[in-house]
Amino acid sequence: MSTATNSKAKALHRHLDTQIENLERKNHTNRELITDLKKQKLKIKDRLYTLSLQEQRKSKEEQLDLFSKGETTKHAT
């Protein structure tokens, strides 16, 4: 599920980036909208980073679990 969320967030991040670039190129007077879009983009980037950290932590925990199970098996024999 987090992979789907991650993909959607990345797509939204790219979409906002494109919108910002278009607005900056065409419309220099609407700085407030550009600022709001940049804030949204930053929130998404923070969310992606948080998801990445959670996935790394989960992966490390799974590796430790596998290692611990392997060590238990070695000591049992």
N, C-alpha and C. Protein backbone atom coordinates (compact mmCIF):
# COMPACT_ATOMS: atom_id res chain seq x y z
N MET A 1 0.83 -1.19 0.00
CA MET A 1 0.00 0.00 0.00
C MET A 1 0.86 1.25 0.00
N SER A 2 1.96 1.27 0.73
CA SER A 2 2.80 2.45 0.78
C SER A 2 3.46 2.71 -0.57
N THR A 3 3.68 1.67 -1.37
CA THR A 3 4.25 1.86 -2.69
C THR A 3 3.28 2.61 -3.59
N ALA A 4 1.99 2.27 -3.51
CA ALA A 4 0.99 2.97 -4.29
C ALA A 4 0.89 4.42 -3.83
N THR A 5 0.91 4.64 -2.54
CA THR A 5 0.87 6.00 -1.99
C THR A 5 2.10 6.76 -2.44
N ASN A 6 3.24 6.11 -2.41
CA ASN A 6 4.50 6.71 -2.83
C ASN A 6 4.43 7.12 -4.30
N SER A 7 3.91 6.26 -5.15
CA SER A 7 3.79 6.55 -6.58
C SER A 7 2.85 7.72 -6.83
N LYS A 8 1.73 7.73 -6.13
CA LYS A 8 0.77 8.83 -6.28
C LYS A 8 1.39 10.15 -5.83
N ALA A 9 2.11 10.11 -4.72
CA ALA A 9 2.74 11.32 -4.21
C ALA A 9 3.80 11.83 -5.19
N LYS A 10 4.58 10.91 -5.77
CA LYS A 10 5.59 11.32 -6.75
C LYS A 10 4.94 11.94 -7.98
N ALA A 11 3.84 11.34 -8.44
CA ALA A 11 3.13 11.88 -9.61
C ALA A 11 2.57 13.26 -9.31
N LEU A 12 1.99 13.43 -8.13
CA LEU A 12 1.45 14.73 -7.74
C LEU A 12 2.58 15.76 -7.62
N HIS A 13 3.71 15.34 -7.08
CA HIS A 13 4.87 16.22 -6.94
C HIS A 13 5.32 16.71 -8.32
N ARG A 14 5.42 15.79 -9.29
CA ARG A 14 5.81 16.17 -10.66
C ARG A 14 4.78 17.11 -11.28
N HIS A 15 3.50 16.81 -11.05
CA HIS A 15 2.43 17.64 -11.61
C HIS A 15 2.53 19.07 -11.06
N LEU A 16 2.71 19.19 -9.75
CA LEU A 16 2.84 20.52 -9.15
C LEU A 16 4.07 21.24 -9.68
N ASP A 17 5.14 20.53 -9.87
CA ASP A 17 6.36 21.12 -10.41
C ASP A 17 6.09 21.71 -11.80
N THR A 18 5.37 20.97 -12.62
CA THR A 18 5.04 21.45 -13.97
C THR A 18 4.14 22.68 -13.90
N GLN A 19 3.14 22.65 -13.02
CA GLN A 19 2.25 23.80 -12.85
C GLN A 19 3.04 25.04 -12.43
N ILE A 20 3.94 24.86 -11.49
CA ILE A 20 4.74 25.98 -10.99
C ILE A 20 5.59 26.55 -12.12
N GLU A 21 6.25 25.68 -12.87
CA GLU A 21 7.09 26.15 -13.98
C GLU A 21 6.26 26.92 -15.01
N ASN A 22 5.07 26.41 -15.34
CA ASN A 22 4.21 27.10 -16.31
C ASN A 22 3.77 28.46 -15.79
N LEU A 23 3.37 28.51 -14.53
CA LEU A 23 2.94 29.78 -13.95
C LEU A 23 4.08 30.79 -13.88
N GLU A 24 5.25 30.32 -13.51
CA GLU A 24 6.39 31.23 -13.41
C GLU A 24 6.77 31.78 -14.80
N ARG A 25 6.64 30.94 -15.82
CA ARG A 25 6.97 31.36 -17.17
C ARG A 25 5.95 32.34 -17.74
N LYS A 26 4.66 32.10 -17.46
CA LYS A 26 3.59 32.85 -18.10
C LYS A 26 2.99 33.96 -17.25
N ASN A 27 3.00 33.79 -15.94
CA ASN A 27 2.21 34.68 -15.10
C ASN A 27 3.03 35.14 -13.90
N HIS A 28 3.71 36.22 -14.05
CA HIS A 28 4.56 36.72 -12.97
C HIS A 28 3.77 37.47 -11.91
N THR A 29 2.50 37.80 -12.18
CA THR A 29 1.72 38.60 -11.25
C THR A 29 1.06 37.78 -10.15
N ASN A 30 0.87 36.48 -10.37
CA ASN A 30 0.17 35.66 -9.39
C ASN A 30 1.17 34.91 -8.51
N ARG A 31 1.98 35.62 -7.79
CA ARG A 31 3.01 35.03 -6.93
C ARG A 31 2.40 34.24 -5.78
N GLU A 32 1.23 34.65 -5.31
CA GLU A 32 0.59 33.95 -4.19
C GLU A 32 0.24 32.50 -4.57
N LEU A 33 -0.30 32.31 -5.77
CA LEU A 33 -0.64 30.96 -6.23
C LEU A 33 0.63 30.12 -6.37
N ILE A 34 1.67 30.71 -6.94
CA ILE A 34 2.93 29.99 -7.10
C ILE A 34 3.49 29.60 -5.73
N THR A 35 3.43 30.51 -4.78
CA THR A 35 3.91 30.22 -3.42
C THR A 35 3.11 29.10 -2.79
N ASP A 36 1.78 29.13 -2.97
CA ASP A 36 0.94 28.06 -2.41
C ASP A 36 1.28 26.70 -3.04
N LEU A 37 1.49 26.67 -4.34
CA LEU A 37 1.85 25.43 -5.00
C LEU A 37 3.20 24.91 -4.52
N LYS A 38 4.14 25.82 -4.30
CA LYS A 38 5.45 25.41 -3.80
C LYS A 38 5.34 24.83 -2.40
N LYS A 39 4.46 25.40 -1.58
CA LYS A 39 4.25 24.86 -0.23
C LYS A 39 3.65 23.45 -0.30
N GLN A 40 2.67 23.26 -1.20
CA GLN A 40 2.08 21.93 -1.37
C GLN A 40 3.15 20.94 -1.81
N LYS A 41 3.99 21.36 -2.75
CA LYS A 41 5.04 20.50 -3.26
C LYS A 41 6.01 20.11 -2.14
N LEU A 42 6.35 21.05 -1.29
CA LEU A 42 7.25 20.78 -0.18
C LEU A 42 6.63 19.79 0.81
N LYS A 43 5.33 19.93 1.07
CA LYS A 43 4.65 18.98 1.96
C LYS A 43 4.70 17.57 1.38
N ILE A 44 4.51 17.47 0.08
CA ILE A 44 4.55 16.15 -0.58
C ILE A 44 5.96 15.59 -0.50
N LYS A 45 6.95 16.43 -0.72
CA LYS A 45 8.34 15.98 -0.65
C LYS A 45 8.66 15.47 0.76
N ASP A 46 8.18 16.18 1.78
CA ASP A 46 8.37 15.73 3.16
C ASP A 46 7.69 14.39 3.41
N ARG A 47 6.50 14.21 2.86
CA ARG A 47 5.77 12.96 3.01
C ARG A 47 6.53 11.81 2.34
N LEU A 48 7.06 12.07 1.14
CA LEU A 48 7.84 11.05 0.45
C LEU A 48 9.07 10.66 1.27
N TYR A 49 9.71 11.63 1.87
CA TYR A 49 10.89 11.36 2.69
C TYR A 49 10.51 10.52 3.90
N THR A 50 9.40 10.87 4.54
CA THR A 50 8.93 10.11 5.70
C THR A 50 8.61 8.67 5.30
N LEU A 51 7.94 8.49 4.18
CA LEU A 51 7.63 7.13 3.70
C LEU A 51 8.91 6.36 3.42
N SER A 52 9.88 7.02 2.85
CA SER A 52 11.16 6.37 2.56
C SER A 52 11.83 5.90 3.83
N LEU A 53 11.84 6.75 4.85
CA LEU A 53 12.44 6.37 6.13
C LEU A 53 11.71 5.19 6.76
N GLN A 54 10.37 5.21 6.68
CA GLN A 54 9.58 4.12 7.24
C GLN A 54 9.89 2.81 6.53
N GLU A 55 10.02 2.86 5.20
CA GLU A 55 10.32 1.66 4.44
C GLU A 55 11.72 1.14 4.78
N GLN A 56 12.68 2.05 4.95
CA GLN A 56 14.04 1.64 5.32
C GLN A 56 14.04 0.98 6.69
N ARG A 57 13.33 1.57 7.63
CA ARG A 57 13.26 1.03 8.99
C ARG A 57 12.63 -0.35 8.98
N LYS A 58 11.55 -0.50 8.21
CA LYS A 58 10.87 -1.79 8.12
C LYS A 58 11.79 -2.84 7.50
N SER A 59 12.51 -2.45 6.47
CA SER A 59 13.43 -3.37 5.82
C SER A 59 14.53 -3.82 6.78
N LYS A 60 15.08 -2.91 7.54
CA LYS A 60 16.11 -3.25 8.52
C LYS A 60 15.57 -4.18 9.59
N GLU A 61 14.34 -3.92 10.05
CA GLU A 61 13.73 -4.78 11.06
C GLU A 61 13.53 -6.19 10.50
N GLU A 62 13.10 -6.28 9.24
CA GLU A 62 12.89 -7.59 8.63
C GLU A 62 14.22 -8.32 8.50
N GLN A 63 15.29 -7.61 8.13
CA GLN A 63 16.61 -8.22 8.02
C GLN A 63 17.08 -8.72 9.38
N LEU A 64 16.86 -7.93 10.42
CA LEU A 64 17.26 -8.34 11.77
C LEU A 64 16.48 -9.57 12.22
N ASP A 65 15.19 -9.59 11.90
CA ASP A 65 14.37 -10.76 12.24
C ASP A 65 14.90 -12.01 11.56
N LEU A 66 15.22 -11.90 10.27
CA LEU A 66 15.76 -13.05 9.54
C LEU A 66 17.09 -13.49 10.12
N PHE A 67 17.94 -12.53 10.47
CA PHE A 67 19.23 -12.85 11.06
C PHE A 67 19.05 -13.53 12.41
N SER A 68 18.13 -12.99 13.21
CA SER A 68 17.87 -13.57 14.54
C SER A 68 17.34 -15.00 14.42
N LYS A 69 16.47 -15.24 13.47
CA LYS A 69 15.93 -16.59 13.26
C LYS A 69 17.04 -17.53 12.82
N GLY A 70 17.95 -17.03 11.98
CA GLY A 70 19.08 -17.84 11.53
C GLY A 70 20.00 -18.18 12.67
N GLU A 71 20.25 -17.25 13.55
CA GLU A 71 21.11 -17.49 14.71
C GLU A 71 20.47 -18.48 15.68
N THR A 72 19.15 -18.37 15.85
CA THR A 72 18.44 -19.30 16.72
C THR A 72 18.53 -20.71 16.18
N THR A 73 18.41 -20.85 14.87
CA THR A 73 18.49 -22.16 14.23
C THR A 73 19.87 -22.75 14.40
N LYS A 74 20.92 -21.95 14.27
CA LYS A 74 22.30 -22.41 14.43
C LYS A 74 22.54 -22.93 15.85
N HIS A 75 22.05 -22.19 16.84
CA HIS A 75 22.26 -22.58 18.23
C HIS A 75 21.44 -23.80 18.62
N ALA A 76 20.34 -24.04 17.94
CA ALA A 76 19.49 -25.19 18.26
C ALA A 76 20.10 -26.51 17.78
N THR A 77 20.97 -26.41 16.76
CA THR A 77 21.56 -27.66 16.23
C THR A 77 22.84 -28.02 16.90
